[in-house]
């Protein structure tokens, strides 16, 4: 089985593949202070609870990370605890099959390249990936499978934290759909502002990106992913597909490209 690990600024998502299917998954808080040994204890604890691994072993590991300090500990963890398992880390020199047409390709996060590969493989191009993570990231992929540009906006969690910190009478609320857009209390007013506000943001940016990406904007497939995507996908008119495991799928594809 292939273990895929996506380390982002806020959460670390792990997925276990049997063939092309995600058969198990976990979400952890990303903590840059964790050592390789602590990561190994957490990982082995999660894997040990899965009945799917009773008669099977980890045959490969694929990792991408936007947090350099965590990536260093992940490498050490793989070396010390899974030394006999082939590990692929998404970094310069690893084959992705995604040409990056940016002013400085090194600025593009590895997770965004992984997402682009998965989207073009699963749905074809041109496409736009909307990743609802620490930031709300929009990635443009051409019909040729090239990563051609991006938009970065504040993330949902960051926006909530900023409101709670700056407003004396505002506080963090449960992120659920309110009864109506026109709210009758402060909690629902915040919920409406976040959910419908981000839906409007997504639709507005996607419309402009699609107009630049293709002669016919309707030819552009819009794929949503990320931990907060489920809050917005039903409200944003522009989203075609919700794929929560897009990054993990991309890691599986990159692992295969680099191990044969």
Protein backbone atom coordinates (compact mmCIF):
# COMPACT_ATOMS: atom_id res chain seq x y z
CA UNK A 1 0.00 0.00 0.00
CA UNK A 2 1.10 3.56 -0.70
CA UNK A 3 1.08 6.11 2.10
CA UNK A 4 0.68 9.72 0.92
CA UNK A 5 1.39 12.70 3.20
CA UNK A 6 0.36 16.28 2.42
CA UNK A 7 1.83 18.76 4.91
CA UNK A 8 0.27 22.24 4.76
CA UNK A 9 0.63 25.18 7.12
CA UNK A 10 -2.43 24.27 9.20
CA UNK A 11 -3.12 20.57 8.70
CA UNK A 12 -1.33 17.43 7.63
CA UNK A 13 -3.47 15.01 5.63
CA UNK A 14 -2.50 11.37 5.24
CA UNK A 15 -4.04 8.95 2.79
CA UNK A 16 -3.57 5.25 2.26
CA UNK A 17 -3.93 3.95 -1.28
CA UNK A 18 -4.68 0.46 -2.46
CA UNK A 19 -4.23 0.70 -6.19
CA UNK A 20 -5.93 3.90 -7.30
CA UNK A 21 -8.34 4.15 -4.38
CA UNK A 22 -8.00 6.03 -1.09
CA UNK A 23 -9.02 3.39 1.42
CA UNK A 24 -8.05 5.21 4.63
CA UNK A 25 -7.30 8.81 5.58
CA UNK A 26 -6.42 10.97 8.58
CA UNK A 27 -6.06 14.70 9.34
CA UNK A 28 -3.61 16.08 11.91
CA UNK A 29 -2.66 19.56 13.07
CA UNK A 30 0.66 20.60 11.55
CA UNK A 31 3.14 21.36 14.30
CA UNK A 32 6.58 22.57 13.21
CA UNK A 33 7.95 21.62 16.65
CA UNK A 34 7.33 17.89 16.25
CA UNK A 35 10.44 15.78 15.87
CA UNK A 36 10.88 12.82 13.55
CA UNK A 37 10.36 10.47 16.50
CA UNK A 38 7.09 12.17 17.49
CA UNK A 39 5.84 12.03 13.91
CA UNK A 40 6.68 8.32 13.76
CA UNK A 41 4.75 7.64 16.99
CA UNK A 42 1.68 9.46 15.65
CA UNK A 43 1.90 7.75 12.28
CA UNK A 44 2.40 4.28 13.67
CA UNK A 45 -0.47 4.82 16.10
CA UNK A 46 -2.84 5.74 13.28
CA UNK A 47 -1.68 2.92 11.04
CA UNK A 48 -1.93 0.45 13.90
CA UNK A 49 -5.62 1.28 14.38
CA UNK A 50 -6.51 0.55 10.78
CA UNK A 51 -7.92 -2.94 10.18
CA UNK A 52 -6.94 -2.53 6.54
CA UNK A 53 -3.26 -2.88 7.43
CA UNK A 54 -3.50 -6.07 9.48
CA UNK A 55 -2.34 -8.22 6.59
CA UNK A 56 -0.57 -5.62 4.48
CA UNK A 57 2.48 -3.40 4.73
CA UNK A 58 3.40 0.08 3.55
CA UNK A 59 5.20 -0.43 0.24
CA UNK A 60 5.86 3.23 -0.57
CA UNK A 61 5.61 6.77 0.78
CA UNK A 62 5.00 10.02 -1.12
CA UNK A 63 5.32 13.40 0.61
CA UNK A 64 4.82 17.06 -0.24
CA UNK A 65 5.17 19.90 2.25
CA UNK A 66 4.83 23.68 2.34
CA UNK A 67 6.56 23.77 5.76
CA UNK A 68 10.34 23.27 5.34
CA UNK A 69 11.04 22.41 8.99
CA UNK A 70 8.39 19.69 8.97
CA UNK A 71 9.68 18.33 5.68
CA UNK A 72 13.14 17.92 7.21
CA UNK A 73 11.68 15.90 10.09
CA UNK A 74 9.57 13.85 7.66
CA UNK A 75 12.73 12.89 5.76
CA UNK A 76 14.40 11.86 9.00
CA UNK A 77 11.32 9.87 10.05
CA UNK A 78 11.28 7.97 6.75
CA UNK A 79 14.99 7.26 6.96
CA UNK A 80 14.90 6.00 10.56
CA UNK A 81 11.58 4.14 10.70
CA UNK A 82 10.86 3.21 7.07
CA UNK A 83 14.35 2.80 5.69
CA UNK A 84 13.39 -0.22 3.59
CA UNK A 85 10.44 1.61 1.97
CA UNK A 86 10.85 3.74 -1.16
CA UNK A 87 10.00 7.36 -0.33
CA UNK A 88 9.42 10.13 -2.90
CA UNK A 89 9.51 13.74 -1.72
CA UNK A 90 8.15 16.38 -4.11
CA UNK A 91 11.03 18.81 -4.61
CA UNK A 92 13.25 20.12 -7.44
CA UNK A 93 14.49 17.19 -9.49
CA UNK A 94 11.41 15.04 -8.97
CA UNK A 95 9.51 14.31 -12.16
CA UNK A 96 5.98 15.76 -12.08
CA UNK A 97 5.19 16.13 -15.78
CA UNK A 98 3.82 19.63 -15.14
CA UNK A 99 5.69 22.48 -16.91
CA UNK A 100 5.61 25.62 -14.73
CA UNK A 101 5.15 28.83 -16.75
CA UNK A 102 5.81 31.33 -13.97
CA UNK A 103 8.32 34.17 -13.64
CA UNK A 104 10.04 32.20 -10.87
CA UNK A 105 8.98 28.52 -10.87
CA UNK A 106 10.73 27.98 -7.53
CA UNK A 107 8.11 30.19 -5.85
CA UNK A 108 5.31 27.75 -6.65
CA UNK A 109 4.46 25.50 -3.72
CA UNK A 110 4.90 21.78 -4.27
CA UNK A 111 1.28 21.14 -3.27
CA UNK A 112 0.05 23.37 -6.10
CA UNK A 113 2.05 21.43 -8.67
CA UNK A 114 0.75 18.17 -7.21
CA UNK A 115 -2.83 19.47 -7.45
CA UNK A 116 -2.29 20.57 -11.04
CA UNK A 117 -1.05 17.11 -12.03
CA UNK A 118 -4.01 15.40 -10.38
CA UNK A 119 -6.56 17.75 -11.95
CA UNK A 120 -5.18 17.43 -15.47
CA UNK A 121 -4.95 13.64 -15.11
CA UNK A 122 -8.46 13.22 -13.71
CA UNK A 123 -10.40 15.90 -15.59
CA UNK A 124 -8.26 17.27 -18.41
CA UNK A 125 -7.54 20.89 -19.19
CA UNK A 126 -7.93 23.73 -19.13
CA UNK A 127 -8.87 23.76 -15.48
CA UNK A 128 -8.81 25.87 -12.33
CA UNK A 129 -8.12 24.35 -8.92
CA UNK A 130 -9.57 26.13 -5.90
CA UNK A 131 -7.84 24.94 -2.74
CA UNK A 132 -9.55 25.98 0.50
CA UNK A 133 -6.65 25.75 2.92
CA UNK A 134 -4.73 28.21 5.08
CA UNK A 135 -5.03 30.48 2.05
CA UNK A 136 -7.67 30.20 -0.65
CA UNK A 137 -5.53 29.32 -3.65
CA UNK A 138 -6.58 29.43 -7.29
CA UNK A 139 -4.33 27.59 -9.77
CA UNK A 140 -4.68 27.81 -13.54
CA UNK A 141 -3.73 24.84 -15.72
CA UNK A 142 -3.73 25.13 -19.51
CA UNK A 143 -5.17 22.67 -22.01
CA UNK A 144 -1.60 21.42 -22.50
CA UNK A 145 -1.24 20.60 -18.81
CA UNK A 146 0.97 23.57 -18.00
CA UNK A 147 0.81 25.45 -14.71
CA UNK A 148 0.30 28.96 -16.05
CA UNK A 149 -0.67 31.15 -13.10
CA UNK A 150 -2.27 31.61 -9.73
CA UNK A 151 -4.35 33.80 -7.44
CA UNK A 152 -3.99 33.77 -3.65
CA UNK A 153 -6.66 35.11 -1.28
CA UNK A 154 -7.05 34.87 2.51
CA UNK A 155 -8.26 31.53 3.82
CA UNK A 156 -11.54 30.98 5.65
CA UNK A 157 -9.86 30.22 8.99
CA UNK A 158 -7.59 33.26 8.71
CA UNK A 159 -10.58 35.49 7.99
CA UNK A 160 -12.48 34.21 11.01
CA UNK A 161 -9.46 34.70 13.27
CA UNK A 162 -8.96 38.24 11.98
CA UNK A 163 -12.60 39.14 12.66
CA UNK A 164 -12.49 37.68 16.15
CA UNK A 165 -9.23 39.47 16.96
CA UNK A 166 -10.26 42.89 15.64
CA UNK A 167 -13.92 43.00 16.71
CA UNK A 168 -14.62 43.55 20.42
CA UNK A 169 -18.06 41.92 20.18
CA UNK A 170 -17.18 39.30 17.57
CA UNK A 171 -15.98 35.79 18.24
CA UNK A 172 -15.26 32.54 16.42
CA UNK A 173 -18.38 30.66 15.35
CA UNK A 174 -19.24 27.22 14.09
CA UNK A 175 -18.98 27.17 10.33
CA UNK A 176 -22.37 25.95 9.17
CA UNK A 177 -24.91 27.31 6.69
CA UNK A 178 -27.13 29.91 8.40
CA UNK A 179 -30.91 29.93 8.06
CA UNK A 180 -30.80 32.80 5.59
CA UNK A 181 -28.43 35.33 4.05
CA UNK A 182 -30.11 38.14 5.97
CA UNK A 183 -29.18 37.04 9.49
CA UNK A 184 -31.18 37.70 12.65
CA UNK A 185 -28.28 37.41 15.13
CA UNK A 186 -24.53 37.98 15.31
CA UNK A 187 -23.57 34.32 15.00
CA UNK A 188 -25.56 33.78 11.82
CA UNK A 189 -24.40 37.13 10.45
CA UNK A 190 -20.81 35.93 10.74
CA UNK A 191 -21.69 32.56 9.22
CA UNK A 192 -23.44 34.22 6.29
CA UNK A 193 -20.57 36.61 5.73
CA UNK A 194 -17.99 33.84 5.63
CA UNK A 195 -19.88 31.22 3.61
CA UNK A 196 -21.66 33.45 1.11
CA UNK A 197 -18.78 35.93 1.04
CA UNK A 198 -16.30 33.24 0.04
CA UNK A 199 -18.75 31.78 -2.49
CA UNK A 200 -18.94 35.21 -4.12
CA UNK A 201 -15.16 35.59 -4.00
CA UNK A 202 -14.69 32.20 -5.67
CA UNK A 203 -17.23 32.90 -8.41
CA UNK A 204 -15.76 36.33 -9.14
CA UNK A 205 -12.14 35.19 -9.37
CA UNK A 206 -12.96 32.03 -11.32
CA UNK A 207 -14.96 34.03 -13.88
CA UNK A 208 -12.00 36.33 -14.53
CA UNK A 209 -9.45 33.51 -14.62
CA UNK A 210 -11.53 31.39 -17.00
CA UNK A 211 -11.87 34.33 -19.40
CA UNK A 212 -8.08 34.53 -19.63
CA UNK A 213 -7.50 30.79 -19.70
CA UNK A 214 -9.72 29.78 -22.62
CA UNK A 215 -11.53 31.30 -25.59
CA UNK A 216 -14.70 29.74 -24.25
CA UNK A 217 -14.78 29.99 -20.42
CA UNK A 218 -17.29 27.13 -20.33
CA UNK A 219 -14.48 24.82 -21.45
CA UNK A 220 -12.67 25.37 -18.14
CA UNK A 221 -13.27 22.75 -15.44
CA UNK A 222 -13.25 24.11 -11.88
CA UNK A 223 -12.15 21.67 -9.18
CA UNK A 224 -12.45 22.41 -5.46
CA UNK A 225 -10.33 20.77 -2.77
CA UNK A 226 -9.00 21.51 0.71
CA UNK A 227 -10.28 21.18 4.25
CA UNK A 228 -12.89 23.96 4.04
CA UNK A 229 -14.14 23.24 0.50
CA UNK A 230 -17.30 21.50 1.72
CA UNK A 231 -18.49 24.79 3.25
CA UNK A 232 -18.54 26.63 -0.07
CA UNK A 233 -19.00 24.13 -2.91
CA UNK A 234 -22.80 24.05 -2.66
CA UNK A 235 -22.99 27.87 -2.68
CA UNK A 236 -20.45 28.72 -5.39
CA UNK A 237 -21.99 28.46 -8.85
CA UNK A 238 -18.65 28.15 -10.63
CA UNK A 239 -17.40 24.92 -9.00
CA UNK A 240 -17.88 21.81 -11.14
CA UNK A 241 -16.20 19.10 -9.05
CA UNK A 242 -15.37 18.63 -5.39
CA UNK A 243 -12.40 16.29 -4.91
CA UNK A 244 -11.21 16.30 -1.29
CA UNK A 245 -8.27 13.98 -2.03
CA UNK A 246 -6.87 15.86 -5.02
CA UNK A 247 -3.42 16.38 -3.48
CA UNK A 248 -3.20 12.76 -2.36
CA UNK A 249 -4.13 11.60 -5.87
CA UNK A 250 -1.39 13.82 -7.28
CA UNK A 251 1.12 12.34 -4.84
CA UNK A 252 0.15 8.85 -6.00
CA UNK A 253 0.74 9.86 -9.63
CA UNK A 254 4.12 11.44 -8.84
CA UNK A 255 5.19 8.37 -6.89
CA UNK A 256 4.47 6.20 -9.90
CA UNK A 257 6.29 8.56 -12.27
CA UNK A 258 9.41 8.42 -10.15
CA UNK A 259 9.47 4.75 -9.19
CA UNK A 260 8.19 3.07 -12.35
